[in-house]
């Protein structure tokens, strides 16, 4: 899936959408990323997806949980961490067998349904949710590159939701240039967006390649019910470059009976400031104080981090 020519033709121009300024294209550079996939209960995963047009990708009764964390260091809207928790899926009238979904991705609408998407900054929430319909909200996040593992922790309200750890490969040798499709639910609509990225991937397969730890925050309950199994693979990009397509598609979500509650709408983002500040790091004393209702603390940059993030051990790519 290549970057559309239209995006190239718009390069260097400027946009102002919902008060968020962009220099086209909507791009990122020099951004490390980790990713991992885990087997889950496909039927329980399907229960987390609204409407009847997104189908959890499955092999028998097994679905697939996809966790991707990107430490965005150069973007249109500043630095932030984005922590994606998704379910592999297809889009259409009916389920598609796994082999066909992998071979004919565009025809089958293969992608991921984004279940949760915490980010570091409010400007990322305002743009990502208000424009692209992504389920973004501000959370306490970190991204730590260690000698043996690459990890990211996600907290809310002083409690841990998830920690993902990926085995750091000896070298990142596999060049990838690919596209991915995100499906999200916002305003009672199914939102589709496309991202294109490139980088060199190092990865390992099977047990030991990655590890998920779920916390005691209420948001972790639905994930615990998925019966997450041993990892399928874990991977690490020391650096990525990406482009988020500004073309968006959406459809009404429909149900067998009239919905009784209004879905989250534009009221959740319309008054958000264009702040690039981060919340305190997860597990920190500052985050605990904030969760107990004391004066909010915001940091311009994530200063309480493991030293490996700013000075990781040198390794060949």
C-alpha atoms as a PDB file:
ATOM      1  CA  UNK A   1       0.000   0.000   0.000  1.00  0.00           C
ATOM      2  CA  UNK A   2       1.799   3.093  -1.243  1.00  0.00           C
ATOM      3  CA  UNK A   3       1.319   6.710  -0.224  1.00  0.00           C
ATOM      4  CA  UNK A   4      -1.381   8.266  -2.478  1.00  0.00           C
ATOM      5  CA  UNK A   5      -0.065  10.727  -5.058  1.00  0.00           C
ATOM      6  CA  UNK A   6      -2.520  13.342  -3.813  1.00  0.00           C
ATOM      7  CA  UNK A   7      -0.616  13.510  -0.515  1.00  0.00           C
ATOM      8  CA  UNK A   8       2.574  14.279  -2.392  1.00  0.00           C
ATOM      9  CA  UNK A   9       0.869  17.028  -4.373  1.00  0.00           C
ATOM     10  CA  UNK A  10      -0.259  18.693  -1.143  1.00  0.00           C
ATOM     11  CA  UNK A  11       3.200  18.566   0.414  1.00  0.00           C
ATOM     12  CA  UNK A  12       4.414  21.918   1.745  1.00  0.00           C
ATOM     13  CA  UNK A  13       0.947  23.478   1.968  1.00  0.00           C
ATOM     14  CA  UNK A  14      -0.772  24.453   5.227  1.00  0.00           C
ATOM     15  CA  UNK A  15      -4.096  23.599   6.853  1.00  0.00           C
ATOM     16  CA  UNK A  16      -6.004  24.761   9.922  1.00  0.00           C
ATOM     17  CA  UNK A  17      -8.651  22.236  10.978  1.00  0.00           C
ATOM     18  CA  UNK A  18     -10.690  22.643  14.175  1.00  0.00           C
ATOM     19  CA  UNK A  19      -8.054  25.101  15.318  1.00  0.00           C
ATOM     20  CA  UNK A  20      -5.216  22.592  14.911  1.00  0.00           C
ATOM     21  CA  UNK A  21      -2.483  23.813  12.520  1.00  0.00           C
ATOM     22  CA  UNK A  22      -0.830  21.379  10.097  1.00  0.00           C
ATOM     23  CA  UNK A  23       1.947  21.599   7.543  1.00  0.00           C
ATOM     24  CA  UNK A  24       1.080  19.010   4.946  1.00  0.00           C
ATOM     25  CA  UNK A  25       1.453  16.122   4.927  1.00  0.00           C
ATOM     26  CA  UNK A  26       0.514  15.024   8.451  1.00  0.00           C
ATOM     27  CA  UNK A  27       3.824  13.294   9.028  1.00  0.00           C
ATOM     28  CA  UNK A  28       6.183  11.975  11.702  1.00  0.00           C
ATOM     29  CA  UNK A  29       9.920  11.336  11.656  1.00  0.00           C
ATOM     30  CA  UNK A  30      12.603   9.662  13.774  1.00  0.00           C
ATOM     31  CA  UNK A  31      10.022   7.945  15.974  1.00  0.00           C
ATOM     32  CA  UNK A  32      10.806   4.624  17.709  1.00  0.00           C
ATOM     33  CA  UNK A  33       7.991   2.093  17.924  1.00  0.00           C
ATOM     34  CA  UNK A  34       7.202  -1.275  19.438  1.00  0.00           C
ATOM     35  CA  UNK A  35       4.522  -3.727  18.406  1.00  0.00           C
ATOM     36  CA  UNK A  36       3.250  -7.103  19.522  1.00  0.00           C
ATOM     37  CA  UNK A  37       0.450  -9.526  18.710  1.00  0.00           C
ATOM     38  CA  UNK A  38      -1.336 -11.920  21.071  1.00  0.00           C
ATOM     39  CA  UNK A  39      -4.054 -14.567  20.621  1.00  0.00           C
ATOM     40  CA  UNK A  40      -7.407 -13.747  22.233  1.00  0.00           C
ATOM     41  CA  UNK A  41     -10.945 -15.111  22.408  1.00  0.00           C
ATOM     42  CA  UNK A  42     -12.470 -14.033  19.082  1.00  0.00           C
ATOM     43  CA  UNK A  43     -16.083 -14.028  20.276  1.00  0.00           C
ATOM     44  CA  UNK A  44     -15.271 -11.820  23.267  1.00  0.00           C
ATOM     45  CA  UNK A  45     -13.276  -9.524  21.002  1.00  0.00           C
ATOM     46  CA  UNK A  46     -16.263  -9.231  18.667  1.00  0.00           C
ATOM     47  CA  UNK A  47     -18.419  -8.162  21.620  1.00  0.00           C
ATOM     48  CA  UNK A  48     -16.203  -5.066  22.007  1.00  0.00           C
ATOM     49  CA  UNK A  49     -16.885  -3.932  18.427  1.00  0.00           C
ATOM     50  CA  UNK A  50     -20.090  -1.921  17.772  1.00  0.00           C
ATOM     51  CA  UNK A  51     -22.324  -2.275  14.716  1.00  0.00           C
ATOM     52  CA  UNK A  52     -22.372  -5.177  12.271  1.00  0.00           C
ATOM     53  CA  UNK A  53     -19.763  -4.276   9.631  1.00  0.00           C
ATOM     54  CA  UNK A  54     -16.477  -4.838  11.496  1.00  0.00           C
ATOM     55  CA  UNK A  55     -15.559  -8.473  12.060  1.00  0.00           C
ATOM     56  CA  UNK A  56     -12.810  -9.675  14.374  1.00  0.00           C
ATOM     57  CA  UNK A  57     -10.239 -11.546  12.318  1.00  0.00           C
ATOM     58  CA  UNK A  58     -10.070 -15.122  13.523  1.00  0.00           C
ATOM     59  CA  UNK A  59      -8.483 -18.501  13.117  1.00  0.00           C
ATOM     60  CA  UNK A  60     -11.106 -20.837  14.488  1.00  0.00           C
ATOM     61  CA  UNK A  61     -12.056 -19.368  17.858  1.00  0.00           C
ATOM     62  CA  UNK A  62      -8.856 -17.333  18.121  1.00  0.00           C
ATOM     63  CA  UNK A  63      -8.703 -13.614  17.451  1.00  0.00           C
ATOM     64  CA  UNK A  64      -5.693 -11.301  17.560  1.00  0.00           C
ATOM     65  CA  UNK A  65      -4.865  -8.429  19.904  1.00  0.00           C
ATOM     66  CA  UNK A  66      -2.480  -5.869  18.413  1.00  0.00           C
ATOM     67  CA  UNK A  67      -0.528  -3.500  20.653  1.00  0.00           C
ATOM     68  CA  UNK A  68       1.498  -0.735  18.995  1.00  0.00           C
ATOM     69  CA  UNK A  69       3.242   2.067  20.863  1.00  0.00           C
ATOM     70  CA  UNK A  70       4.974   4.905  19.019  1.00  0.00           C
ATOM     71  CA  UNK A  71       7.231   7.476  20.635  1.00  0.00           C
ATOM     72  CA  UNK A  72       6.483  10.350  18.270  1.00  0.00           C
ATOM     73  CA  UNK A  73       9.489  12.669  18.434  1.00  0.00           C
ATOM     74  CA  UNK A  74       8.968  14.839  15.360  1.00  0.00           C
ATOM     75  CA  UNK A  75       5.393  15.659  14.252  1.00  0.00           C
ATOM     76  CA  UNK A  76       3.184  18.574  13.217  1.00  0.00           C
ATOM     77  CA  UNK A  77       1.868  18.823  16.772  1.00  0.00           C
ATOM     78  CA  UNK A  78       4.949  18.197  18.909  1.00  0.00           C
ATOM     79  CA  UNK A  79       6.227  15.178  20.820  1.00  0.00           C
ATOM     80  CA  UNK A  80       3.906  12.577  22.286  1.00  0.00           C
ATOM     81  CA  UNK A  81       3.534   8.851  22.924  1.00  0.00           C
ATOM     82  CA  UNK A  82       0.609   7.014  21.323  1.00  0.00           C
ATOM     83  CA  UNK A  83      -0.470   3.681  22.826  1.00  0.00           C
ATOM     84  CA  UNK A  84      -2.726   1.704  20.480  1.00  0.00           C
ATOM     85  CA  UNK A  85      -4.699  -1.322  21.694  1.00  0.00           C
ATOM     86  CA  UNK A  86      -6.478  -2.876  18.724  1.00  0.00           C
ATOM     87  CA  UNK A  87      -8.234  -5.971  17.436  1.00  0.00           C
ATOM     88  CA  UNK A  88      -7.317  -7.328  14.002  1.00  0.00           C
ATOM     89  CA  UNK A  89     -10.414  -7.127  11.809  1.00  0.00           C
ATOM     90  CA  UNK A  90     -12.019  -6.934   8.388  1.00  0.00           C
ATOM     91  CA  UNK A  91     -14.714  -4.550   7.137  1.00  0.00           C
ATOM     92  CA  UNK A  92     -17.708  -5.685   5.108  1.00  0.00           C
ATOM     93  CA  UNK A  93     -20.974  -7.589   5.051  1.00  0.00           C
ATOM     94  CA  UNK A  94     -19.596 -10.795   6.516  1.00  0.00           C
ATOM     95  CA  UNK A  95     -16.532 -12.398   8.058  1.00  0.00           C
ATOM     96  CA  UNK A  96     -13.594 -13.220   5.813  1.00  0.00           C
ATOM     97  CA  UNK A  97     -11.327 -16.282   6.274  1.00  0.00           C
ATOM     98  CA  UNK A  98      -7.891 -15.389   7.611  1.00  0.00           C
ATOM     99  CA  UNK A  99      -5.910 -16.451   4.498  1.00  0.00           C
ATOM    100  CA  UNK A 100      -8.078 -14.309   2.208  1.00  0.00           C
ATOM    101  CA  UNK A 101      -7.910 -11.354   4.601  1.00  0.00           C
ATOM    102  CA  UNK A 102      -4.107 -11.483   4.490  1.00  0.00           C
ATOM    103  CA  UNK A 103      -3.828 -12.012   0.726  1.00  0.00           C
ATOM    104  CA  UNK A 104      -6.450  -9.463  -0.372  1.00  0.00           C
ATOM    105  CA  UNK A 105      -6.218  -6.822   2.322  1.00  0.00           C
ATOM    106  CA  UNK A 106      -7.695  -3.906   0.395  1.00  0.00           C
ATOM    107  CA  UNK A 107     -10.621  -5.928  -0.973  1.00  0.00           C
ATOM    108  CA  UNK A 108     -11.385  -7.461   2.420  1.00  0.00           C
ATOM    109  CA  UNK A 109     -10.967  -4.211   4.359  1.00  0.00           C
ATOM    110  CA  UNK A 110      -8.282  -5.754   6.543  1.00  0.00           C
ATOM    111  CA  UNK A 111      -7.079  -3.568   9.391  1.00  0.00           C
ATOM    112  CA  UNK A 112      -7.542  -3.111  13.102  1.00  0.00           C
ATOM    113  CA  UNK A 113     -10.413  -1.884  15.228  1.00  0.00           C
ATOM    114  CA  UNK A 114      -8.882   0.522  17.741  1.00  0.00           C
ATOM    115  CA  UNK A 115     -10.314  -0.303  21.151  1.00  0.00           C
ATOM    116  CA  UNK A 116      -8.302   2.225  23.150  1.00  0.00           C
ATOM    117  CA  UNK A 117      -5.791   4.923  22.211  1.00  0.00           C
ATOM    118  CA  UNK A 118      -4.271   6.953  25.058  1.00  0.00           C
ATOM    119  CA  UNK A 119      -1.799   9.678  24.107  1.00  0.00           C
ATOM    120  CA  UNK A 120       0.461  12.067  26.003  1.00  0.00           C
ATOM    121  CA  UNK A 121      -0.880  15.462  24.917  1.00  0.00           C
ATOM    122  CA  UNK A 122      -4.242  17.199  24.597  1.00  0.00           C
ATOM    123  CA  UNK A 123      -3.458  18.579  21.145  1.00  0.00           C
ATOM    124  CA  UNK A 124      -3.124  14.988  19.962  1.00  0.00           C
ATOM    125  CA  UNK A 125      -6.526  14.207  21.500  1.00  0.00           C
ATOM    126  CA  UNK A 126      -8.129  17.247  19.881  1.00  0.00           C
ATOM    127  CA  UNK A 127      -6.805  16.419  16.420  1.00  0.00           C
ATOM    128  CA  UNK A 128      -6.895  12.631  16.505  1.00  0.00           C
ATOM    129  CA  UNK A 129     -10.391  12.326  17.959  1.00  0.00           C
ATOM    130  CA  UNK A 130     -12.048  15.444  16.581  1.00  0.00           C
ATOM    131  CA  UNK A 131     -10.765  15.054  13.000  1.00  0.00           C
ATOM    132  CA  UNK A 132     -10.054  11.347  12.488  1.00  0.00           C
ATOM    133  CA  UNK A 133     -12.479   9.935  15.083  1.00  0.00           C
ATOM    134  CA  UNK A 134      -9.821   8.002  16.965  1.00  0.00           C
ATOM    135  CA  UNK A 135     -10.601   7.075  20.606  1.00  0.00           C
ATOM    136  CA  UNK A 136      -7.816   9.271  21.947  1.00  0.00           C
ATOM    137  CA  UNK A 137      -7.664  10.531  25.520  1.00  0.00           C
ATOM    138  CA  UNK A 138      -4.807  11.769  27.650  1.00  0.00           C
ATOM    139  CA  UNK A 139      -3.044   9.209  29.820  1.00  0.00           C
ATOM    140  CA  UNK A 140       0.122   8.750  31.836  1.00  0.00           C
ATOM    141  CA  UNK A 141       2.507   7.121  29.366  1.00  0.00           C
ATOM    142  CA  UNK A 142       6.184   6.336  28.968  1.00  0.00           C
ATOM    143  CA  UNK A 143       8.401   4.670  26.369  1.00  0.00           C
ATOM    144  CA  UNK A 144      11.596   3.101  27.665  1.00  0.00           C
ATOM    145  CA  UNK A 145      14.335   1.566  25.533  1.00  0.00           C
ATOM    146  CA  UNK A 146      16.354  -0.762  27.757  1.00  0.00           C
ATOM    147  CA  UNK A 147      19.290  -3.039  27.055  1.00  0.00           C
ATOM    148  CA  UNK A 148      17.123  -6.176  26.964  1.00  0.00           C
ATOM    149  CA  UNK A 149      13.532  -4.944  26.638  1.00  0.00           C
ATOM    150  CA  UNK A 150      11.590  -2.079  25.121  1.00  0.00           C
ATOM    151  CA  UNK A 151       8.558  -1.205  27.222  1.00  0.00           C
ATOM    152  CA  UNK A 152       5.666   1.202  27.617  1.00  0.00           C
ATOM    153  CA  UNK A 153       3.310   1.641  30.548  1.00  0.00           C
ATOM    154  CA  UNK A 154      -0.173   3.160  30.441  1.00  0.00           C
ATOM    155  CA  UNK A 155      -1.796   4.526  33.614  1.00  0.00           C
ATOM    156  CA  UNK A 156      -5.010   6.445  34.304  1.00  0.00           C
ATOM    157  CA  UNK A 157      -6.220   8.005  37.544  1.00  0.00           C
ATOM    158  CA  UNK A 158      -3.203   6.692  39.453  1.00  0.00           C
ATOM    159  CA  UNK A 159      -3.834   3.058  38.402  1.00  0.00           C
ATOM    160  CA  UNK A 160      -2.128   0.939  35.791  1.00  0.00           C
ATOM    161  CA  UNK A 161      -4.114  -0.155  32.761  1.00  0.00           C
ATOM    162  CA  UNK A 162      -1.413  -2.006  30.850  1.00  0.00           C
ATOM    163  CA  UNK A 163       2.318  -2.465  30.524  1.00  0.00           C
ATOM    164  CA  UNK A 164       3.706  -3.915  27.301  1.00  0.00           C
ATOM    165  CA  UNK A 165       7.250  -5.247  27.066  1.00  0.00           C
ATOM    166  CA  UNK A 166       8.961  -6.414  23.877  1.00  0.00           C
ATOM    167  CA  UNK A 167      12.279  -8.226  23.677  1.00  0.00           C
ATOM    168  CA  UNK A 168      14.835  -5.886  22.177  1.00  0.00           C
ATOM    169  CA  UNK A 169      16.320  -7.536  19.094  1.00  0.00           C
ATOM    170  CA  UNK A 170      20.044  -7.754  18.500  1.00  0.00           C
ATOM    171  CA  UNK A 171      19.551  -5.804  15.307  1.00  0.00           C
ATOM    172  CA  UNK A 172      16.716  -4.252  13.347  1.00  0.00           C
ATOM    173  CA  UNK A 173      17.408  -5.570   9.880  1.00  0.00           C
ATOM    174  CA  UNK A 174      14.111  -5.970   8.022  1.00  0.00           C
ATOM    175  CA  UNK A 175      13.204  -2.881   5.945  1.00  0.00           C
ATOM    176  CA  UNK A 176       9.447  -2.335   5.867  1.00  0.00           C
ATOM    177  CA  UNK A 177       7.376   0.102   3.866  1.00  0.00           C
ATOM    178  CA  UNK A 178       3.690  -0.525   4.452  1.00  0.00           C
ATOM    179  CA  UNK A 179       0.255   0.895   5.089  1.00  0.00           C
ATOM    180  CA  UNK A 180      -2.273   0.159   7.804  1.00  0.00           C
ATOM    181  CA  UNK A 181      -5.994   0.802   8.207  1.00  0.00           C
ATOM    182  CA  UNK A 182      -7.581   1.923  11.465  1.00  0.00           C
ATOM    183  CA  UNK A 183     -11.297   1.611  12.201  1.00  0.00           C
ATOM    184  CA  UNK A 184     -12.663   3.587  15.149  1.00  0.00           C
ATOM    185  CA  UNK A 185     -16.004   4.430  16.716  1.00  0.00           C
ATOM    186  CA  UNK A 186     -16.920   8.070  17.366  1.00  0.00           C
ATOM    187  CA  UNK A 187     -20.149  10.128  17.256  1.00  0.00           C
ATOM    188  CA  UNK A 188     -22.123   6.973  16.467  1.00  0.00           C
ATOM    189  CA  UNK A 189     -20.117   6.459  13.288  1.00  0.00           C
ATOM    190  CA  UNK A 190     -17.505   3.999  12.109  1.00  0.00           C
ATOM    191  CA  UNK A 191     -14.431   6.023  11.135  1.00  0.00           C
ATOM    192  CA  UNK A 192     -11.729   4.758   8.772  1.00  0.00           C
ATOM    193  CA  UNK A 193      -8.247   6.254   8.435  1.00  0.00           C
ATOM    194  CA  UNK A 194      -5.040   5.168   6.712  1.00  0.00           C
ATOM    195  CA  UNK A 195      -1.441   5.471   7.820  1.00  0.00           C
ATOM    196  CA  UNK A 196       1.715   4.779   5.812  1.00  0.00           C
ATOM    197  CA  UNK A 197       5.042   4.089   7.475  1.00  0.00           C
ATOM    198  CA  UNK A 198       8.565   2.867   6.896  1.00  0.00           C
ATOM    199  CA  UNK A 199      11.435   1.718   9.077  1.00  0.00           C
ATOM    200  CA  UNK A 200      13.715  -1.198   9.898  1.00  0.00           C
ATOM    201  CA  UNK A 201      12.155  -3.868  12.104  1.00  0.00           C
ATOM    202  CA  UNK A 202      13.795  -6.318  14.463  1.00  0.00           C
ATOM    203  CA  UNK A 203      11.528  -9.012  15.863  1.00  0.00           C
ATOM    204  CA  UNK A 204      11.248 -12.347  17.622  1.00  0.00           C
ATOM    205  CA  UNK A 205       8.507 -14.947  17.639  1.00  0.00           C
ATOM    206  CA  UNK A 206       6.688 -16.960  20.266  1.00  0.00           C
ATOM    207  CA  UNK A 207       7.112 -17.171  24.032  1.00  0.00           C
ATOM    208  CA  UNK A 208       9.494 -14.579  25.420  1.00  0.00           C
ATOM    209  CA  UNK A 209       9.085 -12.187  22.496  1.00  0.00           C
ATOM    210  CA  UNK A 210       6.669  -9.917  24.395  1.00  0.00           C
ATOM    211  CA  UNK A 211       4.764  -9.664  27.641  1.00  0.00           C
ATOM    212  CA  UNK A 212       1.550  -7.907  28.702  1.00  0.00           C
ATOM    213  CA  UNK A 213       0.786  -6.990  32.303  1.00  0.00           C
ATOM    214  CA  UNK A 214      -2.734  -5.737  33.016  1.00  0.00           C
ATOM    215  CA  UNK A 215      -3.415  -3.459  35.965  1.00  0.00           C
ATOM    216  CA  UNK A 216      -6.386  -2.807  38.236  1.00  0.00           C
ATOM    217  CA  UNK A 217      -7.872   0.199  36.436  1.00  0.00           C
ATOM    218  CA  UNK A 218     -11.471  -0.432  35.229  1.00  0.00           C
ATOM    219  CA  UNK A 219     -10.301  -0.061  31.608  1.00  0.00           C
ATOM    220  CA  UNK A 220      -8.271  -3.253  32.047  1.00  0.00           C
ATOM    221  CA  UNK A 221     -11.337  -5.383  32.845  1.00  0.00           C
ATOM    222  CA  UNK A 222     -12.486  -5.819  29.245  1.00  0.00           C
ATOM    223  CA  UNK A 223      -8.940  -6.779  28.245  1.00  0.00           C
ATOM    224  CA  UNK A 224      -8.715  -9.378  30.994  1.00  0.00           C
ATOM    225  CA  UNK A 225     -11.902 -10.981  29.680  1.00  0.00           C
ATOM    226  CA  UNK A 226     -10.257 -11.550  26.286  1.00  0.00           C
ATOM    227  CA  UNK A 227      -8.140 -14.393  27.721  1.00  0.00           C
ATOM    228  CA  UNK A 228      -4.898 -13.067  26.263  1.00  0.00           C
ATOM    229  CA  UNK A 229      -2.516 -15.900  25.402  1.00  0.00           C
ATOM    230  CA  UNK A 230       1.216 -16.205  24.872  1.00  0.00           C
ATOM    231  CA  UNK A 231       2.695 -13.743  22.379  1.00  0.00           C
ATOM    232  CA  UNK A 232       2.747 -14.476  18.676  1.00  0.00           C
ATOM    233  CA  UNK A 233       5.531 -11.986  18.005  1.00  0.00           C
ATOM    234  CA  UNK A 234       7.148  -8.832  19.338  1.00  0.00           C
ATOM    235  CA  UNK A 235       8.978  -6.246  17.277  1.00  0.00           C
ATOM    236  CA  UNK A 236      10.907  -2.984  17.616  1.00  0.00           C
ATOM    237  CA  UNK A 237      11.645  -0.160  15.183  1.00  0.00           C
ATOM    238  CA  UNK A 238      14.526   2.080  16.371  1.00  0.00           C
ATOM    239  CA  UNK A 239      13.087   4.770  14.105  1.00  0.00           C
ATOM    240  CA  UNK A 240      10.065   5.140  11.861  1.00  0.00           C
ATOM    241  CA  UNK A 241       8.718   7.755   9.472  1.00  0.00           C
ATOM    242  CA  UNK A 242       5.017   7.899   8.770  1.00  0.00           C
ATOM    243  CA  UNK A 243       2.210   9.786   7.062  1.00  0.00           C
ATOM    244  CA  UNK A 244      -1.392   9.923   8.270  1.00  0.00           C
ATOM    245  CA  UNK A 245      -3.748  10.377   5.329  1.00  0.00           C
ATOM    246  CA  UNK A 246      -6.016  13.411   5.708  1.00  0.00           C
ATOM    247  CA  UNK A 247      -8.676  11.577   3.659  1.00  0.00           C
ATOM    248  CA  UNK A 248     -11.265  10.049   6.017  1.00  0.00           C
ATOM    249  CA  UNK A 249     -14.223   7.733   5.448  1.00  0.00           C
ATOM    250  CA  UNK A 250     -17.125   7.137   7.794  1.00  0.00           C
ATOM    251  CA  UNK A 251     -20.388   5.224   7.999  1.00  0.00           C
ATOM    252  CA  UNK A 252     -23.298   5.243  10.444  1.00  0.00           C
ATOM    253  CA  UNK A 253     -23.168   2.423  12.980  1.00  0.00           C
ATOM    254  CA  UNK A 254     -26.444   0.538  13.057  1.00  0.00           C
ATOM    255  CA  UNK A 255     -27.997  -1.768  15.629  1.00  0.00           C
ATOM    256  CA  UNK A 256     -30.920  -4.203  15.856  1.00  0.00           C
ATOM    257  CA  UNK A 257     -32.796  -1.833  18.183  1.00  0.00           C
ATOM    258  CA  UNK A 258     -32.631   1.940  18.783  1.00  0.00           C
ATOM    259  CA  UNK A 259     -29.588   2.947  20.897  1.00  0.00           C
ATOM    260  CA  UNK A 260     -30.621   4.118  24.346  1.00  0.00           C
ATOM    261  CA  UNK A 261     -27.625   6.347  25.045  1.00  0.00           C
ATOM    262  CA  UNK A 262     -26.022   9.007  22.896  1.00  0.00           C
ATOM    263  CA  UNK A 263     -22.431   8.096  21.943  1.00  0.00           C
ATOM    264  CA  UNK A 264     -19.511  10.345  22.755  1.00  0.00           C
ATOM    265  CA  UNK A 265     -19.490  13.337  20.429  1.00  0.00           C
ATOM    266  CA  UNK A 266     -17.742  16.577  19.579  1.00  0.00           C
ATOM    267  CA  UNK A 267     -18.479  17.979  23.038  1.00  0.00           C
ATOM    268  CA  UNK A 268     -15.571  15.846  24.280  1.00  0.00           C
ATOM    269  CA  UNK A 269     -13.017  17.721  22.161  1.00  0.00           C
ATOM    270  CA  UNK A 270     -14.435  21.095  21.119  1.00  0.00           C
ATOM    271  CA  UNK A 271     -13.053  23.012  24.114  1.00  0.00           C
ATOM    272  CA  UNK A 272      -9.734  21.206  24.466  1.00  0.00           C
ATOM    273  CA  UNK A 273      -6.656  23.460  24.358  1.00  0.00           C
ATOM    274  CA  UNK A 274      -3.779  23.014  21.921  1.00  0.00           C
ATOM    275  CA  UNK A 275      -1.515  21.908  24.749  1.00  0.00           C
ATOM    276  CA  UNK A 276       1.568  19.785  24.077  1.00  0.00           C
ATOM    277  CA  UNK A 277       2.146  19.214  27.823  1.00  0.00           C
ATOM    278  CA  UNK A 278       2.390  15.678  29.180  1.00  0.00           C
ATOM    279  CA  UNK A 279       0.904  14.240  32.327  1.00  0.00           C
ATOM    280  CA  UNK A 280       3.404  12.944  34.911  1.00  0.00           C
ATOM    281  CA  UNK A 281       4.997   9.571  34.065  1.00  0.00           C
ATOM    282  CA  UNK A 282       3.080   6.434  35.078  1.00  0.00           C
ATOM    283  CA  UNK A 283       3.851   5.165  38.556  1.00  0.00           C
ATOM    284  CA  UNK A 284       5.433   8.455  39.634  1.00  0.00           C
ATOM    285  CA  UNK A 285       4.691  10.331  42.853  1.00  0.00           C
ATOM    286  CA  UNK A 286       3.438  13.277  40.785  1.00  0.00           C
ATOM    287  CA  UNK A 287       0.899  11.048  39.051  1.00  0.00           C
ATOM    288  CA  UNK A 288      -0.284   9.629  42.371  1.00  0.00           C
ATOM    289  CA  UNK A 289      -0.793  13.121  43.819  1.00  0.00           C
ATOM    290  CA  UNK A 290      -2.723  14.195  40.738  1.00  0.00           C
ATOM    291  CA  UNK A 291      -4.957  11.116  40.912  1.00  0.00           C
ATOM    292  CA  UNK A 292      -5.843  11.961  44.519  1.00  0.00           C
ATOM    293  CA  UNK A 293      -7.331  15.237  43.336  1.00  0.00           C
ATOM    294  CA  UNK A 294      -4.568  17.629  44.222  1.00  0.00           C
ATOM    295  CA  UNK A 295      -3.382  20.428  41.988  1.00  0.00           C
ATOM    296  CA  UNK A 296      -2.804  19.073  38.452  1.00  0.00           C
ATOM    297  CA  UNK A 297       0.785  18.760  37.374  1.00  0.00           C
ATOM    298  CA  UNK A 298       1.807  18.894  33.730  1.00  0.00           C
ATOM    299  CA  UNK A 299       5.281  18.449  32.297  1.00  0.00           C
ATOM    300  CA  UNK A 300       6.512  20.009  29.077  1.00  0.00           C
ATOM    301  CA  UNK A 301       8.614  16.923  28.390  1.00  0.00           C
ATOM    302  CA  UNK A 302       8.759  13.491  30.049  1.00  0.00           C
ATOM    303  CA  UNK A 303      11.702  14.192  32.340  1.00  0.00           C
ATOM    304  CA  UNK A 304      11.201  11.234  34.695  1.00  0.00           C
ATOM    305  CA  UNK A 305      12.260   8.448  32.384  1.00  0.00           C
ATOM    306  CA  UNK A 306      14.753   5.623  32.393  1.00  0.00           C
ATOM    307  CA  UNK A 307      18.076   6.913  31.092  1.00  0.00           C
ATOM    308  CA  UNK A 308      18.097   4.341  28.300  1.00  0.00           C
ATOM    309  CA  UNK A 309      15.496   6.307  26.361  1.00  0.00           C
ATOM    310  CA  UNK A 310      17.773   9.248  25.708  1.00  0.00           C
ATOM    311  CA  UNK A 311      20.974   7.243  25.486  1.00  0.00           C
ATOM    312  CA  UNK A 312      20.212   3.653  24.457  1.00  0.00           C
ATOM    313  CA  UNK A 313      23.055   1.196  24.042  1.00  0.00           C
ATOM    314  CA  UNK A 314      24.423   1.489  20.519  1.00  0.00           C
ATOM    315  CA  UNK A 315      23.423  -1.384  18.294  1.00  0.00           C
ATOM    316  CA  UNK A 316      23.628  -1.894  14.556  1.00  0.00           C
ATOM    317  CA  UNK A 317      20.439  -1.497  12.599  1.00  0.00           C
END
